[in-house]
Amino acid sequence: MDTLLPYETLTEIISYLKSDQATLVQLNQSCKKLYDLAVPFLYKSPQFTTFTSFESFANSLSRTNGTFVRRIDLHMVPHRWDSSKITSLLKSITEKTLDLEMLNLDLCSQLTNKALKKITFPLRDLRILSLDQCKLIGDEAIETLAVQCPYLQEIYLGSTHITDKALQLLATKFILLTHVFMPGCEHISEQGVSVLTTECKTLVHIDIRDCYNVVGNFEIPNTLQNTDALNTSDDAWEDTDDDDDDGN
C-alpha cells in the first residue's frame, strides 16, 4: 500500500481513523510515509483519560508537532483538580500550540487568575474556552482574556466569581463573542446581564441558570438570534465543528 497509493488516497483512508488513537499510534510507528500522514490526525485533538497520559503528552510535545494541535480537552482527566502540576503542564503545552482553538479546563479548581494569564498568553487565536467550576477565577481573568484572546467566540464560566465588571468586558472587548455560559455565577446581577445582551452585538446565546442575584422580569432583547436567556439543557457544551471529533 505504501508504494502503490498516493499521499492523497492514504490521507483519505487515515482520516477515517481519526478517532482511533491506538491505530494512529501504530501507523505513526510503521514507516516514514505513514508517520508523516498520521501525525496531523494524531495531534489535532489529543484524548486524555488519565492524568499520567496528559502529563506524558505535555512532556513529549515539541514545537513541531504542537503546530498540529487544535483542541485540548481535560474534562475526562481525573484528579486534575488535585494536582499542583496542572499550571506548569498547561503552560508548557500552550507555549508550543500557538494555533490552539479550544481549551477546556473544567474543574481545574486550583487554577488562579494569574495562572490563567500565563497559560493563555500565547493563544491569540483561541476560540472556545471553558472554565466551568474553576472557582478561583474572577474579573481579573476576563481582563486578561480581553487582551490576550480577543477573538473568543464561546466562553464557559459556570460557578466562577465573575461580577458585572466581567460582563461589561465581555460585552465590549470580545468582537466575535456568540455564546456565554455562566450558570451558578452568584456575583452577577441583572444590570450586568443587561449590558452584555444590549452591547454585545454578536451574542446569540447566554446561560444564566441559578444566577440568584439576577432578579426581576428579565428578557433578552429581540436583537439576539436566540431570545431565550435561560438555557435549561444539560448539554450546554456543544462541538461547533462536527468534523473535529478527532483522536489524539
C-alpha atoms as a PDB file:
ATOM      1  CA  MET A   1       0.000   0.000   0.000  1.00  0.00           C
ATOM      2  CA  ASP A   2       2.810   2.371   0.867  1.00  0.00           C
ATOM      3  CA  THR A   3       4.396   2.128  -2.591  1.00  0.00           C
ATOM      4  CA  LEU A   4       1.242   1.990  -4.688  1.00  0.00           C
ATOM      5  CA  LEU A   5      -1.136   4.564  -3.198  1.00  0.00           C
ATOM      6  CA  PRO A   6      -0.557   8.332  -3.483  1.00  0.00           C
ATOM      7  CA  TYR A   7      -0.483  10.623  -0.447  1.00  0.00           C
ATOM      8  CA  GLU A   8      -3.974  11.940  -1.169  1.00  0.00           C
ATOM      9  CA  THR A   9      -5.528   8.461  -1.089  1.00  0.00           C
ATOM     10  CA  LEU A  10      -3.654   7.433   2.041  1.00  0.00           C
ATOM     11  CA  THR A  11      -4.662  10.674   3.754  1.00  0.00           C
ATOM     12  CA  GLU A  12      -8.306   9.973   2.956  1.00  0.00           C
ATOM     13  CA  ILE A  13      -8.024   6.453   4.360  1.00  0.00           C
ATOM     14  CA  ILE A  14      -6.310   7.632   7.548  1.00  0.00           C
ATOM     15  CA  SER A  15      -8.942  10.332   8.054  1.00  0.00           C
ATOM     16  CA  TYR A  16     -11.461   7.566   8.804  1.00  0.00           C
ATOM     17  CA  LEU A  17      -9.255   6.512  11.713  1.00  0.00           C
ATOM     18  CA  LYS A  18      -9.075   9.948  13.317  1.00  0.00           C
ATOM     19  CA  SER A  19     -10.973   8.784  16.424  1.00  0.00           C
ATOM     20  CA  ASP A  20      -8.929   5.592  16.784  1.00  0.00           C
ATOM     21  CA  GLN A  21      -5.970   6.765  18.793  1.00  0.00           C
ATOM     22  CA  ALA A  22      -4.341   3.348  19.169  1.00  0.00           C
ATOM     23  CA  THR A  23      -4.368   2.684  15.417  1.00  0.00           C
ATOM     24  CA  LEU A  24      -2.981   6.126  14.654  1.00  0.00           C
ATOM     25  CA  VAL A  25      -0.089   5.451  17.018  1.00  0.00           C
ATOM     26  CA  GLN A  26       0.643   2.165  15.222  1.00  0.00           C
ATOM     27  CA  LEU A  27       0.579   3.876  11.834  1.00  0.00           C
ATOM     28  CA  ASN A  28       2.811   6.592  13.231  1.00  0.00           C
ATOM     29  CA  GLN A  29       5.418   3.961  14.106  1.00  0.00           C
ATOM     30  CA  SER A  30       5.225   1.880  10.932  1.00  0.00           C
ATOM     31  CA  CYS A  31       7.155   3.872   8.324  1.00  0.00           C
ATOM     32  CA  LYS A  32       8.218   7.393   7.418  1.00  0.00           C
ATOM     33  CA  LYS A  33       5.398   7.948   4.922  1.00  0.00           C
ATOM     34  CA  LEU A  34       2.628   6.853   7.281  1.00  0.00           C
ATOM     35  CA  TYR A  35       4.303   8.754  10.107  1.00  0.00           C
ATOM     36  CA  ASP A  36       4.057  11.990   8.130  1.00  0.00           C
ATOM     37  CA  LEU A  37       0.417  11.323   7.237  1.00  0.00           C
ATOM     38  CA  ALA A  38      -0.731  10.197  10.691  1.00  0.00           C
ATOM     39  CA  VAL A  39       0.890  12.945  12.788  1.00  0.00           C
ATOM     40  CA  PRO A  40      -1.642  15.723  11.977  1.00  0.00           C
ATOM     41  CA  PHE A  41      -4.564  13.449  12.902  1.00  0.00           C
ATOM     42  CA  LEU A  42      -2.769  12.123  15.959  1.00  0.00           C
ATOM     43  CA  TYR A  43      -2.122  15.548  17.460  1.00  0.00           C
ATOM     44  CA  LYS A  44      -5.116  17.600  16.323  1.00  0.00           C
ATOM     45  CA  SER A  45      -7.375  16.688  19.255  1.00  0.00           C
ATOM     46  CA  PRO A  46      -5.498  14.548  21.791  1.00  0.00           C
ATOM     47  CA  GLN A  47      -7.557  12.413  24.143  1.00  0.00           C
ATOM     48  CA  PHE A  48      -6.648  12.039  27.811  1.00  0.00           C
ATOM     49  CA  THR A  49      -8.285   9.615  30.238  1.00  0.00           C
ATOM     50  CA  THR A  50      -5.645   9.676  32.976  1.00  0.00           C
ATOM     51  CA  PHE A  51      -3.505  12.395  34.449  1.00  0.00           C
ATOM     52  CA  THR A  52      -0.442  10.327  33.588  1.00  0.00           C
ATOM     53  CA  SER A  53      -1.329  10.316  29.884  1.00  0.00           C
ATOM     54  CA  PHE A  54      -1.864  14.089  29.977  1.00  0.00           C
ATOM     55  CA  GLU A  55       1.479  14.601  31.715  1.00  0.00           C
ATOM     56  CA  SER A  56       3.268  12.357  29.196  1.00  0.00           C
ATOM     57  CA  PHE A  57       1.746  14.311  26.321  1.00  0.00           C
ATOM     58  CA  ALA A  58       2.865  17.631  27.822  1.00  0.00           C
ATOM     59  CA  ASN A  59       6.401  16.399  28.418  1.00  0.00           C
ATOM     60  CA  SER A  60       6.799  14.888  24.938  1.00  0.00           C
ATOM     61  CA  LEU A  61       5.181  17.690  22.931  1.00  0.00           C
ATOM     62  CA  SER A  62       7.523  19.630  20.652  1.00  0.00           C
ATOM     63  CA  ARG A  63       7.098  22.895  18.802  1.00  0.00           C
ATOM     64  CA  THR A  64       6.935  20.891  15.574  1.00  0.00           C
ATOM     65  CA  ASN A  65       4.070  18.526  16.399  1.00  0.00           C
ATOM     66  CA  GLY A  66       2.498  21.238  18.551  1.00  0.00           C
ATOM     67  CA  THR A  67       1.596  23.108  15.357  1.00  0.00           C
ATOM     68  CA  PHE A  68      -0.994  20.394  14.626  1.00  0.00           C
ATOM     69  CA  VAL A  69      -2.831  20.714  17.952  1.00  0.00           C
ATOM     70  CA  ARG A  70      -6.199  22.486  17.774  1.00  0.00           C
ATOM     71  CA  ARG A  71      -8.076  21.198  20.833  1.00  0.00           C
ATOM     72  CA  ILE A  72      -7.059  20.457  24.414  1.00  0.00           C
ATOM     73  CA  ASP A  73      -9.865  18.981  26.493  1.00  0.00           C
ATOM     74  CA  LEU A  74      -9.233  17.921  30.092  1.00  0.00           C
ATOM     75  CA  HIS A  75     -12.819  17.116  31.074  1.00  0.00           C
ATOM     76  CA  MET A  76     -12.103  13.348  31.116  1.00  0.00           C
ATOM     77  CA  VAL A  77      -8.885  13.650  33.158  1.00  0.00           C
ATOM     78  CA  PRO A  78      -9.461  12.582  36.785  1.00  0.00           C
ATOM     79  CA  HIS A  79      -7.725  14.299  39.704  1.00  0.00           C
ATOM     80  CA  ARG A  80      -6.730  17.366  37.677  1.00  0.00           C
ATOM     81  CA  TRP A  81      -8.338  19.408  40.466  1.00  0.00           C
ATOM     82  CA  ASP A  82      -5.864  17.955  42.972  1.00  0.00           C
ATOM     83  CA  SER A  83      -2.653  18.301  41.001  1.00  0.00           C
ATOM     84  CA  SER A  84      -0.119  21.004  41.763  1.00  0.00           C
ATOM     85  CA  LYS A  85       1.449  20.332  38.340  1.00  0.00           C
ATOM     86  CA  ILE A  86      -1.517  21.400  36.224  1.00  0.00           C
ATOM     87  CA  THR A  87      -0.451  25.025  35.678  1.00  0.00           C
ATOM     88  CA  SER A  88       3.125  24.239  34.647  1.00  0.00           C
ATOM     89  CA  LEU A  89       1.981  21.440  32.337  1.00  0.00           C
ATOM     90  CA  LEU A  90      -0.630  23.621  30.642  1.00  0.00           C
ATOM     91  CA  LYS A  91       1.862  26.463  30.248  1.00  0.00           C
ATOM     92  CA  SER A  92       4.312  24.055  28.650  1.00  0.00           C
ATOM     93  CA  ILE A  93       1.632  22.898  26.204  1.00  0.00           C
ATOM     94  CA  THR A  94       0.300  26.301  25.178  1.00  0.00           C
ATOM     95  CA  GLU A  95       3.808  27.614  24.507  1.00  0.00           C
ATOM     96  CA  LYS A  96       4.001  25.008  21.724  1.00  0.00           C
ATOM     97  CA  THR A  97       0.399  25.078  20.441  1.00  0.00           C
ATOM     98  CA  LEU A  98       0.051  28.603  19.115  1.00  0.00           C
ATOM     99  CA  ASP A  99      -2.826  27.628  16.798  1.00  0.00           C
ATOM    100  CA  LEU A 100      -4.965  26.158  19.585  1.00  0.00           C
ATOM    101  CA  GLU A 101      -8.668  26.865  19.033  1.00  0.00           C
ATOM    102  CA  MET A 102     -10.358  25.163  22.000  1.00  0.00           C
ATOM    103  CA  LEU A 103      -9.242  24.770  25.626  1.00  0.00           C
ATOM    104  CA  ASN A 104     -11.406  23.006  28.195  1.00  0.00           C
ATOM    105  CA  LEU A 105     -10.178  23.460  31.783  1.00  0.00           C
ATOM    106  CA  ASP A 106     -13.394  22.484  33.582  1.00  0.00           C
ATOM    107  CA  LEU A 107     -12.932  21.634  37.273  1.00  0.00           C
ATOM    108  CA  CYS A 108      -9.299  22.727  37.398  1.00  0.00           C
ATOM    109  CA  SER A 109     -10.141  24.134  40.805  1.00  0.00           C
ATOM    110  CA  GLN A 110      -6.585  25.250  41.637  1.00  0.00           C
ATOM    111  CA  LEU A 111      -6.465  27.444  38.546  1.00  0.00           C
ATOM    112  CA  THR A 112      -5.987  31.093  39.507  1.00  0.00           C
ATOM    113  CA  ASN A 113      -6.315  34.326  37.549  1.00  0.00           C
ATOM    114  CA  LYS A 114      -2.531  34.690  37.422  1.00  0.00           C
ATOM    115  CA  ALA A 115      -2.061  31.098  36.255  1.00  0.00           C
ATOM    116  CA  LEU A 116      -4.646  31.546  33.500  1.00  0.00           C
ATOM    117  CA  LYS A 117      -2.752  34.643  32.320  1.00  0.00           C
ATOM    118  CA  LYS A 118       0.404  32.559  31.858  1.00  0.00           C
ATOM    119  CA  ILE A 119      -1.439  29.690  30.173  1.00  0.00           C
ATOM    120  CA  THR A 120      -3.362  31.786  27.645  1.00  0.00           C
ATOM    121  CA  PHE A 121      -0.593  34.275  26.830  1.00  0.00           C
ATOM    122  CA  PRO A 122       0.400  32.517  23.547  1.00  0.00           C
ATOM    123  CA  LEU A 123      -3.188  31.735  22.472  1.00  0.00           C
ATOM    124  CA  ARG A 124      -4.079  34.731  20.372  1.00  0.00           C
ATOM    125  CA  ASP A 125      -6.424  32.724  18.136  1.00  0.00           C
ATOM    126  CA  LEU A 126      -8.276  30.803  20.858  1.00  0.00           C
ATOM    127  CA  ARG A 127     -11.975  30.500  20.003  1.00  0.00           C
ATOM    128  CA  ILE A 128     -13.525  28.369  22.773  1.00  0.00           C
ATOM    129  CA  LEU A 129     -12.550  28.451  26.464  1.00  0.00           C
ATOM    130  CA  SER A 130     -14.250  26.547  29.265  1.00  0.00           C
ATOM    131  CA  LEU A 131     -13.575  27.428  32.904  1.00  0.00           C
ATOM    132  CA  ASP A 132     -16.638  25.838  34.495  1.00  0.00           C
ATOM    133  CA  GLN A 133     -16.200  25.119  38.217  1.00  0.00           C
ATOM    134  CA  CYS A 134     -12.869  26.976  38.319  1.00  0.00           C
ATOM    135  CA  LYS A 135     -13.906  28.784  41.470  1.00  0.00           C
ATOM    136  CA  LEU A 136     -10.774  30.910  41.850  1.00  0.00           C
ATOM    137  CA  ILE A 137     -11.419  32.609  38.514  1.00  0.00           C
ATOM    138  CA  GLY A 138     -12.863  36.126  38.584  1.00  0.00           C
ATOM    139  CA  ASP A 139     -12.866  39.501  36.837  1.00  0.00           C
ATOM    140  CA  GLU A 140      -9.072  39.643  36.584  1.00  0.00           C
ATOM    141  CA  ALA A 141      -9.142  36.615  34.294  1.00  0.00           C
ATOM    142  CA  ILE A 142     -11.614  38.283  31.937  1.00  0.00           C
ATOM    143  CA  GLU A 143      -9.431  41.405  31.853  1.00  0.00           C
ATOM    144  CA  THR A 144      -6.514  39.203  30.811  1.00  0.00           C
ATOM    145  CA  LEU A 145      -8.513  37.365  28.166  1.00  0.00           C
ATOM    146  CA  ALA A 146      -9.729  40.642  26.667  1.00  0.00           C
ATOM    147  CA  VAL A 147      -6.101  41.475  25.861  1.00  0.00           C
ATOM    148  CA  GLN A 148      -4.690  38.024  25.098  1.00  0.00           C
ATOM    149  CA  CYS A 149      -7.642  36.191  23.500  1.00  0.00           C
ATOM    150  CA  PRO A 150      -9.890  38.871  21.953  1.00  0.00           C
ATOM    151  CA  TYR A 151     -11.328  36.525  19.326  1.00  0.00           C
ATOM    152  CA  LEU A 152     -13.095  34.169  21.725  1.00  0.00           C
ATOM    153  CA  GLN A 153     -16.444  33.020  20.373  1.00  0.00           C
ATOM    154  CA  GLU A 154     -17.610  30.835  23.265  1.00  0.00           C
ATOM    155  CA  ILE A 155     -16.770  31.103  26.947  1.00  0.00           C
ATOM    156  CA  TYR A 156     -17.930  28.879  29.814  1.00  0.00           C
ATOM    157  CA  LEU A 157     -17.760  30.477  33.259  1.00  0.00           C
ATOM    158  CA  GLY A 158     -20.131  28.414  35.395  1.00  0.00           C
ATOM    159  CA  SER A 159     -19.700  28.871  39.174  1.00  0.00           C
ATOM    160  CA  THR A 160     -16.786  31.288  38.813  1.00  0.00           C
ATOM    161  CA  HIS A 161     -16.508  34.529  40.818  1.00  0.00           C
ATOM    162  CA  ILE A 162     -17.079  36.945  37.967  1.00  0.00           C
ATOM    163  CA  THR A 163     -19.102  40.108  38.593  1.00  0.00           C
ATOM    164  CA  ASP A 164     -20.888  42.655  36.420  1.00  0.00           C
ATOM    165  CA  LYS A 165     -17.469  44.139  35.628  1.00  0.00           C
ATOM    166  CA  ALA A 166     -16.598  40.963  33.741  1.00  0.00           C
ATOM    167  CA  LEU A 167     -19.865  41.121  31.806  1.00  0.00           C
ATOM    168  CA  GLN A 168     -19.051  44.682  30.749  1.00  0.00           C
ATOM    169  CA  LEU A 169     -15.719  43.455  29.395  1.00  0.00           C
ATOM    170  CA  LEU A 170     -17.347  40.522  27.623  1.00  0.00           C
ATOM    171  CA  ALA A 171     -19.831  42.914  26.019  1.00  0.00           C
ATOM    172  CA  THR A 172     -17.299  45.424  24.726  1.00  0.00           C
ATOM    173  CA  LYS A 173     -13.913  43.734  24.267  1.00  0.00           C
ATOM    174  CA  PHE A 174     -14.692  40.438  22.517  1.00  0.00           C
ATOM    175  CA  ILE A 175     -15.680  41.270  18.967  1.00  0.00           C
ATOM    176  CA  LEU A 176     -16.667  37.728  17.916  1.00  0.00           C
ATOM    177  CA  LEU A 177     -18.380  36.504  21.089  1.00  0.00           C
ATOM    178  CA  THR A 178     -21.546  34.488  20.403  1.00  0.00           C
ATOM    179  CA  HIS A 179     -22.083  32.178  23.408  1.00  0.00           C
ATOM    180  CA  VAL A 180     -21.667  32.941  27.124  1.00  0.00           C
ATOM    181  CA  PHE A 181     -22.395  30.210  29.667  1.00  0.00           C
ATOM    182  CA  MET A 182     -22.368  31.303  33.323  1.00  0.00           C
ATOM    183  CA  PRO A 183     -24.773  29.145  35.359  1.00  0.00           C
ATOM    184  CA  GLY A 184     -24.335  29.443  39.110  1.00  0.00           C
ATOM    185  CA  CYS A 185     -22.459  32.741  38.968  1.00  0.00           C
ATOM    186  CA  GLU A 186     -23.795  34.311  42.142  1.00  0.00           C
ATOM    187  CA  HIS A 187     -21.977  37.649  41.889  1.00  0.00           C
ATOM    188  CA  ILE A 188     -23.562  38.955  38.703  1.00  0.00           C
ATOM    189  CA  SER A 189     -26.792  40.926  38.552  1.00  0.00           C
ATOM    190  CA  GLU A 190     -29.439  41.818  36.013  1.00  0.00           C
ATOM    191  CA  GLN A 191     -27.601  45.101  35.361  1.00  0.00           C
ATOM    192  CA  GLY A 192     -24.542  43.256  34.113  1.00  0.00           C
ATOM    193  CA  VAL A 193     -26.602  40.807  32.076  1.00  0.00           C
ATOM    194  CA  SER A 194     -28.478  43.720  30.504  1.00  0.00           C
ATOM    195  CA  VAL A 195     -25.198  45.355  29.471  1.00  0.00           C
ATOM    196  CA  LEU A 196     -23.999  42.086  27.960  1.00  0.00           C
ATOM    197  CA  THR A 197     -27.147  41.469  25.935  1.00  0.00           C
ATOM    198  CA  THR A 198     -27.532  45.032  24.675  1.00  0.00           C
ATOM    199  CA  GLU A 199     -23.924  45.955  23.933  1.00  0.00           C
ATOM    200  CA  CYS A 200     -22.548  42.654  22.612  1.00  0.00           C
ATOM    201  CA  LYS A 201     -23.880  42.768  19.062  1.00  0.00           C
ATOM    202  CA  THR A 202     -22.617  39.301  18.108  1.00  0.00           C
ATOM    203  CA  LEU A 203     -24.207  37.465  21.066  1.00  0.00           C
ATOM    204  CA  VAL A 204     -26.705  34.729  20.211  1.00  0.00           C
ATOM    205  CA  HIS A 205     -26.967  32.771  23.477  1.00  0.00           C
ATOM    206  CA  ILE A 206     -26.406  33.132  27.211  1.00  0.00           C
ATOM    207  CA  ASP A 207     -26.961  30.713  30.083  1.00  0.00           C
ATOM    208  CA  ILE A 208     -27.781  32.321  33.455  1.00  0.00           C
ATOM    209  CA  ARG A 209     -29.345  29.397  35.276  1.00  0.00           C
ATOM    210  CA  ASP A 210     -29.052  29.598  39.075  1.00  0.00           C
ATOM    211  CA  CYS A 211     -27.629  33.134  38.997  1.00  0.00           C
ATOM    212  CA  TYR A 212     -29.612  34.116  42.063  1.00  0.00           C
ATOM    213  CA  ASN A 213     -28.731  37.800  42.017  1.00  0.00           C
ATOM    214  CA  VAL A 214     -30.287  38.186  38.577  1.00  0.00           C
ATOM    215  CA  VAL A 215     -33.753  39.252  39.700  1.00  0.00           C
ATOM    216  CA  GLY A 216     -36.758  40.897  38.135  1.00  0.00           C
ATOM    217  CA  ASN A 217     -38.547  40.386  34.872  1.00  0.00           C
ATOM    218  CA  PHE A 218     -35.539  39.938  32.627  1.00  0.00           C
ATOM    219  CA  GLU A 219     -35.851  39.402  28.884  1.00  0.00           C
ATOM    220  CA  ILE A 220     -33.315  39.029  26.107  1.00  0.00           C
ATOM    221  CA  PRO A 221     -33.694  41.817  23.520  1.00  0.00           C
ATOM    222  CA  ASN A 222     -35.046  40.864  20.129  1.00  0.00           C
ATOM    223  CA  THR A 223     -31.706  41.762  18.542  1.00  0.00           C
ATOM    224  CA  LEU A 224     -30.396  38.384  19.681  1.00  0.00           C
ATOM    225  CA  GLN A 225     -30.917  35.428  17.397  1.00  0.00           C
ATOM    226  CA  ASN A 226     -31.685  33.231  20.397  1.00  0.00           C
ATOM    227  CA  THR A 227     -34.187  35.025  22.606  1.00  0.00           C
ATOM    228  CA  ASP A 228     -34.166  32.506  25.470  1.00  0.00           C
ATOM    229  CA  ALA A 229     -31.988  33.857  28.293  1.00  0.00           C
ATOM    230  CA  LEU A 230     -32.120  30.748  30.444  1.00  0.00           C
ATOM    231  CA  ASN A 231     -30.624  27.630  28.925  1.00  0.00           C
ATOM    232  CA  THR A 232     -32.153  24.654  30.722  1.00  0.00           C
ATOM    233  CA  SER A 233     -30.429  21.951  28.701  1.00  0.00           C
ATOM    234  CA  ASP A 234     -27.942  19.671  30.443  1.00  0.00           C
ATOM    235  CA  ASP A 235     -25.933  19.517  27.230  1.00  0.00           C
ATOM    236  CA  ALA A 236     -24.662  23.071  27.081  1.00  0.00           C
ATOM    237  CA  TRP A 237     -21.213  22.036  25.863  1.00  0.00           C
ATOM    238  CA  GLU A 238     -21.527  21.706  22.101  1.00  0.00           C
ATOM    239  CA  ASP A 239     -18.915  20.975  19.483  1.00  0.00           C
ATOM    240  CA  THR A 240     -19.186  23.783  16.968  1.00  0.00           C
ATOM    241  CA  ASP A 241     -17.341  21.776  14.327  1.00  0.00           C
ATOM    242  CA  ASP A 242     -18.840  18.386  13.583  1.00  0.00           C
ATOM    243  CA  ASP A 243     -15.665  17.312  11.835  1.00  0.00           C
ATOM    244  CA  ASP A 244     -13.458  17.954  14.844  1.00  0.00           C
ATOM    245  CA  ASP A 245     -14.288  14.834  16.810  1.00  0.00           C
ATOM    246  CA  ASP A 246     -10.734  13.675  16.443  1.00  0.00           C
ATOM    247  CA  GLY A 247      -8.464  11.237  18.182  1.00  0.00           C
ATOM    248  CA  ASN A 248      -5.010  12.069  19.523  1.00  0.00           C
END
